[in-house]
PDB file of N, CA and C in Angstrom:
ATOM      1  N   UNK A   1     -80.280 -97.915  50.680  1.00  0.00           N
ATOM      2  CA  UNK A   1     -79.635 -96.610  51.098  1.00  0.00           C
ATOM      3  C   UNK A   1     -79.903 -96.669  52.598  1.00  0.00           C
ATOM      4  N   UNK A   2     -80.831 -96.907  53.023  1.00  0.00           N
ATOM      5  CA  UNK A   2     -81.434 -97.098  54.411  1.00  0.00           C
ATOM      6  C   UNK A   2     -80.715 -97.664  55.291  1.00  0.00           C
ATOM      7  N   UNK A   3     -79.828 -98.844  55.282  1.00  0.00           N
ATOM      8  CA  UNK A   3     -79.101 -99.487  56.374  1.00  0.00           C
ATOM      9  C   UNK A   3     -77.588 -98.881  56.180  1.00  0.00           C
ATOM     10  N   UNK A   4     -77.094 -98.150  55.080  1.00  0.00           N
ATOM     11  CA  UNK A   4     -76.046 -97.497  55.115  1.00  0.00           C
ATOM     12  C   UNK A   4     -76.423 -96.159  56.420  1.00  0.00           C
ATOM     13  N   UNK A   5     -77.443 -95.500  56.185  1.00  0.00           N
ATOM     14  CA  UNK A   5     -77.755 -94.347  57.013  1.00  0.00           C
ATOM     15  C   UNK A   5     -77.494 -94.838  58.608  1.00  0.00           C
ATOM     16  N   UNK A   6     -78.109 -95.898  58.701  1.00  0.00           N
ATOM     17  CA  UNK A   6     -78.209 -96.684  60.119  1.00  0.00           C
ATOM     18  C   UNK A   6     -76.914 -97.003  60.611  1.00  0.00           C
ATOM     19  N   UNK A   7     -75.862 -97.276  59.902  1.00  0.00           N
ATOM     20  CA  UNK A   7     -74.763 -97.926  60.210  1.00  0.00           C
ATOM     21  C   UNK A   7     -73.750 -96.370  60.592  1.00  0.00           C
ATOM     22  N   UNK A   8     -73.748 -95.475  59.601  1.00  0.00           N
ATOM     23  CA  UNK A   8     -73.473 -94.323  59.579  1.00  0.00           C
ATOM     24  C   UNK A   8     -73.662 -93.734  61.118  1.00  0.00           C
ATOM     25  N   UNK A   9     -75.108 -93.546  61.579  1.00  0.00           N
ATOM     26  CA  UNK A   9     -75.489 -93.003  62.684  1.00  0.00           C
ATOM     27  C   UNK A   9     -75.278 -93.948  63.856  1.00  0.00           C
ATOM     28  N   UNK A  10     -75.002 -95.181  63.890  1.00  0.00           N
ATOM     29  CA  UNK A  10     -74.323 -95.710  64.703  1.00  0.00           C
ATOM     30  C   UNK A  10     -73.010 -95.543  65.082  1.00  0.00           C
ATOM     31  N   UNK A  11     -72.387 -95.602  64.195  1.00  0.00           N
ATOM     32  CA  UNK A  11     -70.686 -95.207  64.237  1.00  0.00           C
ATOM     33  C   UNK A  11     -70.436 -93.678  64.787  1.00  0.00           C
ATOM     34  N   UNK A  12     -71.416 -92.789  64.568  1.00  0.00           N
ATOM     35  CA  UNK A  12     -71.304 -91.614  64.895  1.00  0.00           C
ATOM     36  C   UNK A  12     -71.573 -91.662  66.361  1.00  0.00           C
ATOM     37  N   UNK A  13     -72.364 -92.382  66.784  1.00  0.00           N
ATOM     38  CA  UNK A  13     -72.848 -92.241  68.565  1.00  0.00           C
ATOM     39  C   UNK A  13     -71.834 -93.269  69.015  1.00  0.00           C
ATOM     40  N   UNK A  14     -71.253 -94.108  68.751  1.00  0.00           N
ATOM     41  CA  UNK A  14     -70.318 -94.943  69.224  1.00  0.00           C
ATOM     42  C   UNK A  14     -69.128 -93.959  69.531  1.00  0.00           C
ATOM     43  N   UNK A  15     -68.594 -93.312  68.346  1.00  0.00           N
ATOM     44  CA  UNK A  15     -67.618 -92.128  68.360  1.00  0.00           C
ATOM     45  C   UNK A  15     -67.675 -91.141  69.273  1.00  0.00           C
ATOM     46  N   UNK A  16     -68.901 -90.423  69.725  1.00  0.00           N
ATOM     47  CA  UNK A  16     -69.352 -89.653  70.479  1.00  0.00           C
ATOM     48  C   UNK A  16     -69.065 -90.122  72.041  1.00  0.00           C
ATOM     49  N   UNK A  17     -69.519 -91.084  72.133  1.00  0.00           N
ATOM     50  CA  UNK A  17     -69.749 -91.858  73.479  1.00  0.00           C
ATOM     51  C   UNK A  17     -68.368 -92.245  74.026  1.00  0.00           C
ATOM     52  N   UNK A  18     -67.304 -92.640  73.050  1.00  0.00           N
ATOM     53  CA  UNK A  18     -66.031 -93.122  73.102  1.00  0.00           C
ATOM     54  C   UNK A  18     -65.348 -91.660  73.734  1.00  0.00           C
ATOM     55  N   UNK A  19     -65.327 -90.874  72.895  1.00  0.00           N
ATOM     56  CA  UNK A  19     -64.690 -89.415  73.265  1.00  0.00           C
ATOM     57  C   UNK A  19     -65.164 -89.007  74.231  1.00  0.00           C
ATOM     58  N   UNK A  20     -66.576 -89.215  74.874  1.00  0.00           N
ATOM     59  CA  UNK A  20     -67.052 -88.507  76.206  1.00  0.00           C
ATOM     60  C   UNK A  20     -66.360 -89.456  77.198  1.00  0.00           C
ATOM     61  N   UNK A  21     -66.105 -90.856  77.127  1.00  0.00           N
ATOM     62  CA  UNK A  21     -65.463 -91.477  78.199  1.00  0.00           C
ATOM     63  C   UNK A  21     -64.177 -91.100  78.306  1.00  0.00           C
ATOM     64  N   UNK A  22     -63.524 -90.867  77.128  1.00  0.00           N
ATOM     65  CA  UNK A  22     -61.802 -90.487  76.969  1.00  0.00           C
ATOM     66  C   UNK A  22     -61.791 -89.237  77.967  1.00  0.00           C
ATOM     67  N   UNK A  23     -62.612 -88.342  77.793  1.00  0.00           N
ATOM     68  CA  UNK A  23     -62.669 -87.159  78.352  1.00  0.00           C
ATOM     69  C   UNK A  23     -62.837 -87.382  79.797  1.00  0.00           C
ATOM     70  N   UNK A  24     -63.524 -88.579  80.609  1.00  0.00           N
ATOM     71  CA  UNK A  24     -63.884 -88.396  81.945  1.00  0.00           C
ATOM     72  C   UNK A  24     -62.483 -89.054  82.570  1.00  0.00           C
ATOM     73  N   UNK A  25     -61.372 -89.570  81.647  1.00  0.00           N
ATOM     74  CA  UNK A  25     -60.293 -90.043  82.241  1.00  0.00           C
ATOM     75  C   UNK A  25     -59.444 -88.941  82.694  1.00  0.00           C
ATOM     76  N   UNK A  26     -59.040 -89.262  84.207  1.00  0.00           N
ATOM     77  CA  UNK A  26     -58.479 -88.118  85.063  1.00  0.00           C
ATOM     78  C   UNK A  26     -56.846 -88.783  85.010  1.00  0.00           C
ATOM     79  N   UNK A  27     -56.184 -87.439  85.099  1.00  0.00           N
ATOM     80  CA  UNK A  27     -54.644 -87.632  85.071  1.00  0.00           C
ATOM     81  C   UNK A  27     -54.136 -88.013  86.740  1.00  0.00           C
ATOM     82  N   UNK A  28     -53.381 -88.983  86.695  1.00  0.00           N
ATOM     83  CA  UNK A  28     -53.114 -89.196  88.205  1.00  0.00           C
ATOM     84  C   UNK A  28     -51.847 -88.208  88.543  1.00  0.00           C
ATOM     85  N   UNK A  29     -51.970 -87.407  89.677  1.00  0.00           N
ATOM     86  CA  UNK A  29     -50.981 -86.725  90.152  1.00  0.00           C
ATOM     87  C   UNK A  29     -49.684 -87.365  91.135  1.00  0.00           C
ATOM     88  N   UNK A  30     -50.441 -88.235  91.918  1.00  0.00           N
ATOM     89  CA  UNK A  30     -49.347 -88.809  92.798  1.00  0.00           C
ATOM     90  C   UNK A  30     -49.932 -90.075  93.071  1.00  0.00           C
ATOM     91  N   UNK A  31     -49.391 -91.152  93.744  1.00  0.00           N
ATOM     92  CA  UNK A  31     -49.761 -92.232  94.444  1.00  0.00           C
ATOM     93  C   UNK A  31     -49.108 -92.758  95.793  1.00  0.00           C
ATOM     94  N   UNK A  32     -49.853 -92.586  96.844  1.00  0.00           N
ATOM     95  CA  UNK A  32     -48.905 -93.004  98.272  1.00  0.00           C
ATOM     96  C   UNK A  32     -49.257 -94.297  98.269  1.00  0.00           C
ATOM     97  N   UNK A  33     -48.058 -95.157  98.838  1.00  0.00           N
ATOM     98  CA  UNK A  33     -48.011 -96.444  98.809  1.00  0.00           C
ATOM     99  C   UNK A  33     -48.062 -96.779 100.063  1.00  0.00           C
ATOM    100  N   UNK A  34     -48.840 -97.273 101.357  1.00  0.00           N
ATOM    101  CA  UNK A  34     -48.793 -97.361 102.528  1.00  0.00           C
ATOM    102  C   UNK A  34     -48.708 -99.029 102.498  1.00  0.00           C
ATOM    103  N   UNK A  35     -48.476 -99.237 103.583  1.00  0.00           N
ATOM    104  CA  UNK A  35     -48.066-101.174 104.241  1.00  0.00           C
ATOM    105  C   UNK A  35     -49.641-101.675 103.841  1.00  0.00           C
ATOM    106  N   UNK A  36     -50.767-101.145 104.014  1.00  0.00           N
ATOM    107  CA  UNK A  36     -51.823-102.130 103.964  1.00  0.00           C
ATOM    108  C   UNK A  36     -52.826-101.237 102.775  1.00  0.00           C
ATOM    109  N   UNK A  37     -52.370-100.100 102.425  1.00  0.00           N
ATOM    110  CA  UNK A  37     -53.220 -99.322 101.263  1.00  0.00           C
ATOM    111  C   UNK A  37     -52.601 -98.572 100.398  1.00  0.00           C
ATOM    112  N   UNK A  38     -53.045 -98.284  99.273  1.00  0.00           N
ATOM    113  CA  UNK A  38     -52.542 -97.574  98.283  1.00  0.00           C
ATOM    114  C   UNK A  38     -53.573 -96.242  97.950  1.00  0.00           C
ATOM    115  N   UNK A  39     -53.048 -94.992  97.967  1.00  0.00           N
ATOM    116  CA  UNK A  39     -54.039 -93.981  97.772  1.00  0.00           C
ATOM    117  C   UNK A  39     -53.407 -93.217  96.534  1.00  0.00           C
ATOM    118  N   UNK A  40     -54.647 -93.073  95.600  1.00  0.00           N
ATOM    119  CA  UNK A  40     -54.059 -92.727  94.122  1.00  0.00           C
ATOM    120  C   UNK A  40     -54.919 -91.112  94.356  1.00  0.00           C
ATOM    121  N   UNK A  41     -54.294 -89.867  93.954  1.00  0.00           N
ATOM    122  CA  UNK A  41     -54.715 -88.664  93.994  1.00  0.00           C
ATOM    123  C   UNK A  41     -54.745 -88.423  92.534  1.00  0.00           C
ATOM    124  N   UNK A  42     -55.866 -87.954  91.833  1.00  0.00           N
ATOM    125  CA  UNK A  42     -55.954 -87.562  90.474  1.00  0.00           C
ATOM    126  C   UNK A  42     -56.728 -86.450  90.513  1.00  0.00           C
ATOM    127  N   UNK A  43     -56.647 -85.778  89.462  1.00  0.00           N
ATOM    128  CA  UNK A  43     -57.502 -84.362  89.257  1.00  0.00           C
ATOM    129  C   UNK A  43     -58.722 -84.559  88.712  1.00  0.00           C
ATOM    130  N   UNK A  44     -59.397 -83.591  89.043  1.00  0.00           N
ATOM    131  CA  UNK A  44     -60.773 -84.064  88.633  1.00  0.00           C
ATOM    132  C   UNK A  44     -61.563 -82.529  88.239  1.00  0.00           C
ATOM    133  N   UNK A  45     -62.532 -82.412  87.782  1.00  0.00           N
ATOM    134  CA  UNK A  45     -63.002 -81.024  87.074  1.00  0.00           C
ATOM    135  C   UNK A  45     -63.390 -80.126  88.712  1.00  0.00           C
ATOM    136  N   UNK A  46     -63.604 -81.009  89.629  1.00  0.00           N
ATOM    137  CA  UNK A  46     -64.181 -80.243  90.938  1.00  0.00           C
ATOM    138  C   UNK A  46     -62.923 -80.083  91.809  1.00  0.00           C
ATOM    139  N   UNK A  47     -61.625 -80.484  91.666  1.00  0.00           N
ATOM    140  CA  UNK A  47     -60.588 -80.247  92.307  1.00  0.00           C
ATOM    141  C   UNK A  47     -60.053 -81.751  92.480  1.00  0.00           C
ATOM    142  N   UNK A  48     -59.213 -82.132  93.551  1.00  0.00           N
ATOM    143  CA  UNK A  48     -58.717 -83.324  93.620  1.00  0.00           C
ATOM    144  C   UNK A  48     -59.348 -84.389  94.105  1.00  0.00           C
ATOM    145  N   UNK A  49     -59.359 -85.762  93.352  1.00  0.00           N
ATOM    146  CA  UNK A  49     -60.092 -86.926  93.652  1.00  0.00           C
ATOM    147  C   UNK A  49     -59.067 -88.023  94.386  1.00  0.00           C
ATOM    148  N   UNK A  50     -59.640 -88.752  95.121  1.00  0.00           N
ATOM    149  CA  UNK A  50     -58.971 -89.859  96.171  1.00  0.00           C
ATOM    150  C   UNK A  50     -59.656 -91.024  95.763  1.00  0.00           C
ATOM    151  N   UNK A  51     -58.679 -92.257  95.664  1.00  0.00           N
ATOM    152  CA  UNK A  51     -58.970 -93.341  95.461  1.00  0.00           C
ATOM    153  C   UNK A  51     -58.281 -94.376  96.240  1.00  0.00           C
ATOM    154  N   UNK A  52     -59.087 -95.190  96.900  1.00  0.00           N
ATOM    155  CA  UNK A  52     -58.064 -96.160  98.309  1.00  0.00           C
ATOM    156  C   UNK A  52     -58.046 -97.392  97.563  1.00  0.00           C
ATOM    157  N   UNK A  53     -57.264 -98.128  97.680  1.00  0.00           N
ATOM    158  CA  UNK A  53     -56.816 -99.366  97.003  1.00  0.00           C
ATOM    159  C   UNK A  53     -56.473-100.246  97.894  1.00  0.00           C
ATOM    160  N   UNK A  54     -56.470-101.502  98.078  1.00  0.00           N
ATOM    161  CA  UNK A  54     -55.768-102.581  98.855  1.00  0.00           C
ATOM    162  C   UNK A  54     -54.468-102.965  98.093  1.00  0.00           C
ATOM    163  N   UNK A  55     -53.252-103.622  98.768  1.00  0.00           N
ATOM    164  CA  UNK A  55     -52.407-103.990  97.660  1.00  0.00           C
ATOM    165  C   UNK A  55     -52.595-104.783  96.843  1.00  0.00           C
ATOM    166  N   UNK A  56     -53.550-105.662  96.935  1.00  0.00           N
ATOM    167  CA  UNK A  56     -53.892-106.875  95.912  1.00  0.00           C
ATOM    168  C   UNK A  56     -54.422-106.027  94.577  1.00  0.00           C
ATOM    169  N   UNK A  57     -54.798-104.623  94.698  1.00  0.00           N
ATOM    170  CA  UNK A  57     -55.987-104.127  93.670  1.00  0.00           C
ATOM    171  C   UNK A  57     -57.084-104.104  93.857  1.00  0.00           C
ATOM    172  N   UNK A  58     -57.564-104.542  94.884  1.00  0.00           N
ATOM    173  CA  UNK A  58     -59.016-104.452  95.196  1.00  0.00           C
ATOM    174  C   UNK A  58     -59.192-102.793  95.426  1.00  0.00           C
ATOM    175  N   UNK A  59     -60.487-102.194  94.832  1.00  0.00           N
ATOM    176  CA  UNK A  59     -60.709-100.782  95.005  1.00  0.00           C
ATOM    177  C   UNK A  59     -61.203-100.813  96.262  1.00  0.00           C
ATOM    178  N   UNK A  60     -61.324-100.159  97.361  1.00  0.00           N
ATOM    179  CA  UNK A  60     -62.016-100.033  98.546  1.00  0.00           C
ATOM    180  C   UNK A  60     -62.702 -98.793  98.687  1.00  0.00           C
ATOM    181  N   UNK A  61     -62.279 -97.717  98.010  1.00  0.00           N
ATOM    182  CA  UNK A  61     -63.304 -96.580  98.019  1.00  0.00           C
ATOM    183  C   UNK A  61     -63.017 -95.698  96.860  1.00  0.00           C
ATOM    184  N   UNK A  62     -63.577 -94.940  95.841  1.00  0.00           N
ATOM    185  CA  UNK A  62     -63.099 -94.560  94.689  1.00  0.00           C
ATOM    186  C   UNK A  62     -63.936 -93.032  94.393  1.00  0.00           C
ATOM    187  N   UNK A  63     -63.232 -92.309  93.844  1.00  0.00           N
ATOM    188  CA  UNK A  63     -63.826 -90.725  93.481  1.00  0.00           C
ATOM    189  C   UNK A  63     -64.312 -90.056  94.724  1.00  0.00           C
ATOM    190  N   UNK A  64     -63.574 -90.247  95.776  1.00  0.00           N
ATOM    191  CA  UNK A  64     -64.035 -89.396  96.805  1.00  0.00           C
ATOM    192  C   UNK A  64     -63.138 -87.915  96.931  1.00  0.00           C
ATOM    193  N   UNK A  65     -63.961 -86.960  97.431  1.00  0.00           N
ATOM    194  CA  UNK A  65     -63.496 -85.680  97.385  1.00  0.00           C
ATOM    195  C   UNK A  65     -62.568 -85.590  98.700  1.00  0.00           C
ATOM    196  N   UNK A  66     -61.970 -84.179  99.196  1.00  0.00           N
ATOM    197  CA  UNK A  66     -61.269 -84.155 100.466  1.00  0.00           C
ATOM    198  C   UNK A  66     -62.067 -84.369 101.565  1.00  0.00           C
ATOM    199  N   UNK A  67     -63.262 -83.836 101.862  1.00  0.00           N
ATOM    200  CA  UNK A  67     -64.201 -84.026 102.645  1.00  0.00           C
ATOM    201  C   UNK A  67     -64.554 -85.527 102.778  1.00  0.00           C
ATOM    202  N   UNK A  68     -64.896 -86.205 102.002  1.00  0.00           N
ATOM    203  CA  UNK A  68     -65.215 -87.563 101.902  1.00  0.00           C
ATOM    204  C   UNK A  68     -64.256 -88.296 102.355  1.00  0.00           C
ATOM    205  N   UNK A  69     -62.769 -88.155 102.015  1.00  0.00           N
ATOM    206  CA  UNK A  69     -61.799 -88.969 102.046  1.00  0.00           C
ATOM    207  C   UNK A  69     -61.505 -88.874 103.998  1.00  0.00           C
ATOM    208  N   UNK A  70     -61.665 -87.385 104.342  1.00  0.00           N
ATOM    209  CA  UNK A  70     -61.644 -87.436 105.773  1.00  0.00           C
ATOM    210  C   UNK A  70     -62.554 -87.984 106.579  1.00  0.00           C
ATOM    211  N   UNK A  71     -63.961 -88.240 105.949  1.00  0.00           N
ATOM    212  CA  UNK A  71     -64.713 -88.784 106.761  1.00  0.00           C
ATOM    213  C   UNK A  71     -64.671 -90.510 107.069  1.00  0.00           C
ATOM    214  N   UNK A  72     -64.020 -90.947 105.771  1.00  0.00           N
ATOM    215  CA  UNK A  72     -64.211 -92.407 105.552  1.00  0.00           C
ATOM    216  C   UNK A  72     -63.094 -93.006 106.057  1.00  0.00           C
ATOM    217  N   UNK A  73     -62.067 -91.898 105.883  1.00  0.00           N
ATOM    218  CA  UNK A  73     -60.430 -92.874 106.019  1.00  0.00           C
ATOM    219  C   UNK A  73     -59.981 -91.980 106.812  1.00  0.00           C
ATOM    220  N   UNK A  74     -60.261 -91.448 107.933  1.00  0.00           N
ATOM    221  CA  UNK A  74     -59.506 -89.944 108.905  1.00  0.00           C
ATOM    222  C   UNK A  74     -57.948 -90.599 108.899  1.00  0.00           C
ATOM    223  N   UNK A  75     -57.376 -91.615 109.116  1.00  0.00           N
ATOM    224  CA  UNK A  75     -55.945 -91.922 109.332  1.00  0.00           C
ATOM    225  C   UNK A  75     -55.175 -91.982 107.952  1.00  0.00           C
ATOM    226  N   UNK A  76     -55.809 -92.185 106.599  1.00  0.00           N
ATOM    227  CA  UNK A  76     -55.260 -91.682 105.361  1.00  0.00           C
ATOM    228  C   UNK A  76     -55.195 -90.176 105.510  1.00  0.00           C
ATOM    229  N   UNK A  77     -56.220 -89.780 105.627  1.00  0.00           N
ATOM    230  CA  UNK A  77     -56.456 -88.284 105.481  1.00  0.00           C
ATOM    231  C   UNK A  77     -55.296 -87.589 105.937  1.00  0.00           C
ATOM    232  N   UNK A  78     -55.087 -87.877 107.057  1.00  0.00           N
ATOM    233  CA  UNK A  78     -54.034 -87.129 107.820  1.00  0.00           C
ATOM    234  C   UNK A  78     -52.785 -87.615 107.390  1.00  0.00           C
ATOM    235  N   UNK A  79     -52.274 -88.482 106.260  1.00  0.00           N
ATOM    236  CA  UNK A  79     -51.260 -88.987 106.073  1.00  0.00           C
ATOM    237  C   UNK A  79     -51.127 -88.404 104.515  1.00  0.00           C
ATOM    238  N   UNK A  80     -52.048 -87.995 103.911  1.00  0.00           N
ATOM    239  CA  UNK A  80     -51.951 -87.724 102.268  1.00  0.00           C
ATOM    240  C   UNK A  80     -52.584 -85.812 102.562  1.00  0.00           C
ATOM    241  N   UNK A  81     -52.878 -85.352 103.487  1.00  0.00           N
ATOM    242  CA  UNK A  81     -53.244 -84.087 103.403  1.00  0.00           C
ATOM    243  C   UNK A  81     -51.997 -83.107 103.044  1.00  0.00           C
ATOM    244  N   UNK A  82     -52.097 -82.510 101.904  1.00  0.00           N
ATOM    245  CA  UNK A  82     -51.043 -82.111 101.044  1.00  0.00           C
ATOM    246  C   UNK A  82     -50.249 -80.856 101.621  1.00  0.00           C
ATOM    247  N   UNK A  83     -50.682 -80.215 102.148  1.00  0.00           N
ATOM    248  CA  UNK A  83     -50.179 -78.884 102.947  1.00  0.00           C
ATOM    249  C   UNK A  83     -50.826 -78.067 103.753  1.00  0.00           C
ATOM    250  N   UNK A  84     -49.971 -77.216 104.674  1.00  0.00           N
ATOM    251  CA  UNK A  84     -50.710 -76.696 105.770  1.00  0.00           C
ATOM    252  C   UNK A  84     -50.664 -75.306 105.206  1.00  0.00           C
ATOM    253  N   UNK A  85     -51.387 -74.578 105.010  1.00  0.00           N
ATOM    254  CA  UNK A  85     -51.131 -73.114 104.372  1.00  0.00           C
ATOM    255  C   UNK A  85     -51.383 -72.047 105.704  1.00  0.00           C
ATOM    256  N   UNK A  86     -50.417 -70.963 105.663  1.00  0.00           N
ATOM    257  CA  UNK A  86     -50.677 -70.098 106.624  1.00  0.00           C
ATOM    258  C   UNK A  86     -51.191 -69.078 105.998  1.00  0.00           C
ATOM    259  N   UNK A  87     -51.131 -67.782 106.778  1.00  0.00           N
ATOM    260  CA  UNK A  87     -51.672 -66.643 106.270  1.00  0.00           C
ATOM    261  C   UNK A  87     -51.900 -66.041 104.829  1.00  0.00           C
ATOM    262  N   UNK A  88     -52.573 -65.990 104.241  1.00  0.00           N
ATOM    263  CA  UNK A  88     -52.503 -65.797 102.649  1.00  0.00           C
ATOM    264  C   UNK A  88     -51.679 -64.746 102.176  1.00  0.00           C
ATOM    265  N   UNK A  89     -51.106 -63.539 103.094  1.00  0.00           N
ATOM    266  CA  UNK A  89     -50.017 -62.756 102.708  1.00  0.00           C
ATOM    267  C   UNK A  89     -48.847 -63.017 102.887  1.00  0.00           C
ATOM    268  N   UNK A  90     -48.582 -64.325 103.540  1.00  0.00           N
ATOM    269  CA  UNK A  90     -47.368 -65.129 103.771  1.00  0.00           C
ATOM    270  C   UNK A  90     -47.233 -66.170 102.750  1.00  0.00           C
ATOM    271  N   UNK A  91     -46.193 -66.050 101.905  1.00  0.00           N
ATOM    272  CA  UNK A  91     -45.837 -67.022 100.837  1.00  0.00           C
ATOM    273  C   UNK A  91     -45.083 -68.415 101.222  1.00  0.00           C
ATOM    274  N   UNK A  92     -45.074 -68.289 102.642  1.00  0.00           N
ATOM    275  CA  UNK A  92     -44.498 -69.581 103.213  1.00  0.00           C
ATOM    276  C   UNK A  92     -45.643 -70.690 103.213  1.00  0.00           C
ATOM    277  N   UNK A  93     -45.434 -71.653 103.089  1.00  0.00           N
ATOM    278  CA  UNK A  93     -46.350 -73.229 103.187  1.00  0.00           C
ATOM    279  C   UNK A  93     -45.467 -74.153 103.857  1.00  0.00           C
ATOM    280  N   UNK A  94     -45.847 -74.875 104.696  1.00  0.00           N
ATOM    281  CA  UNK A  94     -44.475 -76.053 104.855  1.00  0.00           C
ATOM    282  C   UNK A  94     -45.545 -77.545 104.173  1.00  0.00           C
ATOM    283  N   UNK A  95     -44.893 -78.479 104.071  1.00  0.00           N
ATOM    284  CA  UNK A  95     -45.199 -79.610 103.618  1.00  0.00           C
ATOM    285  C   UNK A  95     -45.396 -80.265 105.086  1.00  0.00           C
ATOM    286  N   UNK A  96     -46.710 -81.001 105.070  1.00  0.00           N
ATOM    287  CA  UNK A  96     -47.046 -81.763 106.340  1.00  0.00           C
ATOM    288  C   UNK A  96     -46.937 -83.201 106.350  1.00  0.00           C
ATOM    289  N   UNK A  97     -46.126 -83.779 107.249  1.00  0.00           N
ATOM    290  CA  UNK A  97     -45.678 -84.942 107.088  1.00  0.00           C
ATOM    291  C   UNK A  97     -46.786 -85.945 108.211  1.00  0.00           C
ATOM    292  N   UNK A  98     -47.262 -85.506 108.821  1.00  0.00           N
ATOM    293  CA  UNK A  98     -47.850 -86.159 109.545  1.00  0.00           C
ATOM    294  C   UNK A  98     -48.508 -85.238 111.006  1.00  0.00           C
ATOM    295  N   UNK A  99     -48.886 -85.878 112.081  1.00  0.00           N
ATOM    296  CA  UNK A  99     -49.229 -85.255 113.083  1.00  0.00           C
ATOM    297  C   UNK A  99     -48.257 -84.243 113.677  1.00  0.00           C
ATOM    298  N   UNK A 100     -48.663 -82.867 113.954  1.00  0.00           N
ATOM    299  CA  UNK A 100     -47.925 -81.849 114.789  1.00  0.00           C
ATOM    300  C   UNK A 100     -47.586 -82.314 116.260  1.00  0.00           C
ATOM    301  N   UNK A 101     -46.170 -82.169 116.433  1.00  0.00           N
ATOM    302  CA  UNK A 101     -45.915 -82.184 117.923  1.00  0.00           C
ATOM    303  C   UNK A 101     -46.758 -81.696 119.059  1.00  0.00           C
ATOM    304  N   UNK A 102     -46.998 -82.027 120.101  1.00  0.00           N
ATOM    305  CA  UNK A 102     -47.709 -81.127 120.924  1.00  0.00           C
ATOM    306  C   UNK A 102     -47.069 -80.551 121.817  1.00  0.00           C
ATOM    307  N   UNK A 103     -46.339 -79.026 121.679  1.00  0.00           N
ATOM    308  CA  UNK A 103     -45.597 -78.548 122.348  1.00  0.00           C
ATOM    309  C   UNK A 103     -46.330 -77.857 123.668  1.00  0.00           C
ATOM    310  N   UNK A 104     -47.413 -78.083 123.982  1.00  0.00           N
ATOM    311  CA  UNK A 104     -47.968 -77.425 125.093  1.00  0.00           C
ATOM    312  C   UNK A 104     -47.477 -78.079 126.328  1.00  0.00           C
ATOM    313  N   UNK A 105     -46.905 -79.082 126.517  1.00  0.00           N
ATOM    314  CA  UNK A 105     -46.540 -79.888 127.539  1.00  0.00           C
ATOM    315  C   UNK A 105     -45.264 -79.199 128.010  1.00  0.00           C
TER     316      UNK A 105
END
């Protein structure tokens, strides 16, 4: 009787650990493919999660939040920053596609 209980307990633990691992899987929101790098944006419990990957599939950085992406890869951050929000009372937002033109000249 004792070996059966041990096996049942072991199966239960494996099942719980497997379910926990599956809960950590994040949903990919989008993937930006550049010439030299790929940026995957996934949804996480604390917000967006960024991963930087080389074209051959090597993970260069993973599980970065927006601040970490800006610090470690500022050139990528400027390309993937999703939007520039204006005043909260204005329902207008524009998609940001890179650097803003310098209109001061």
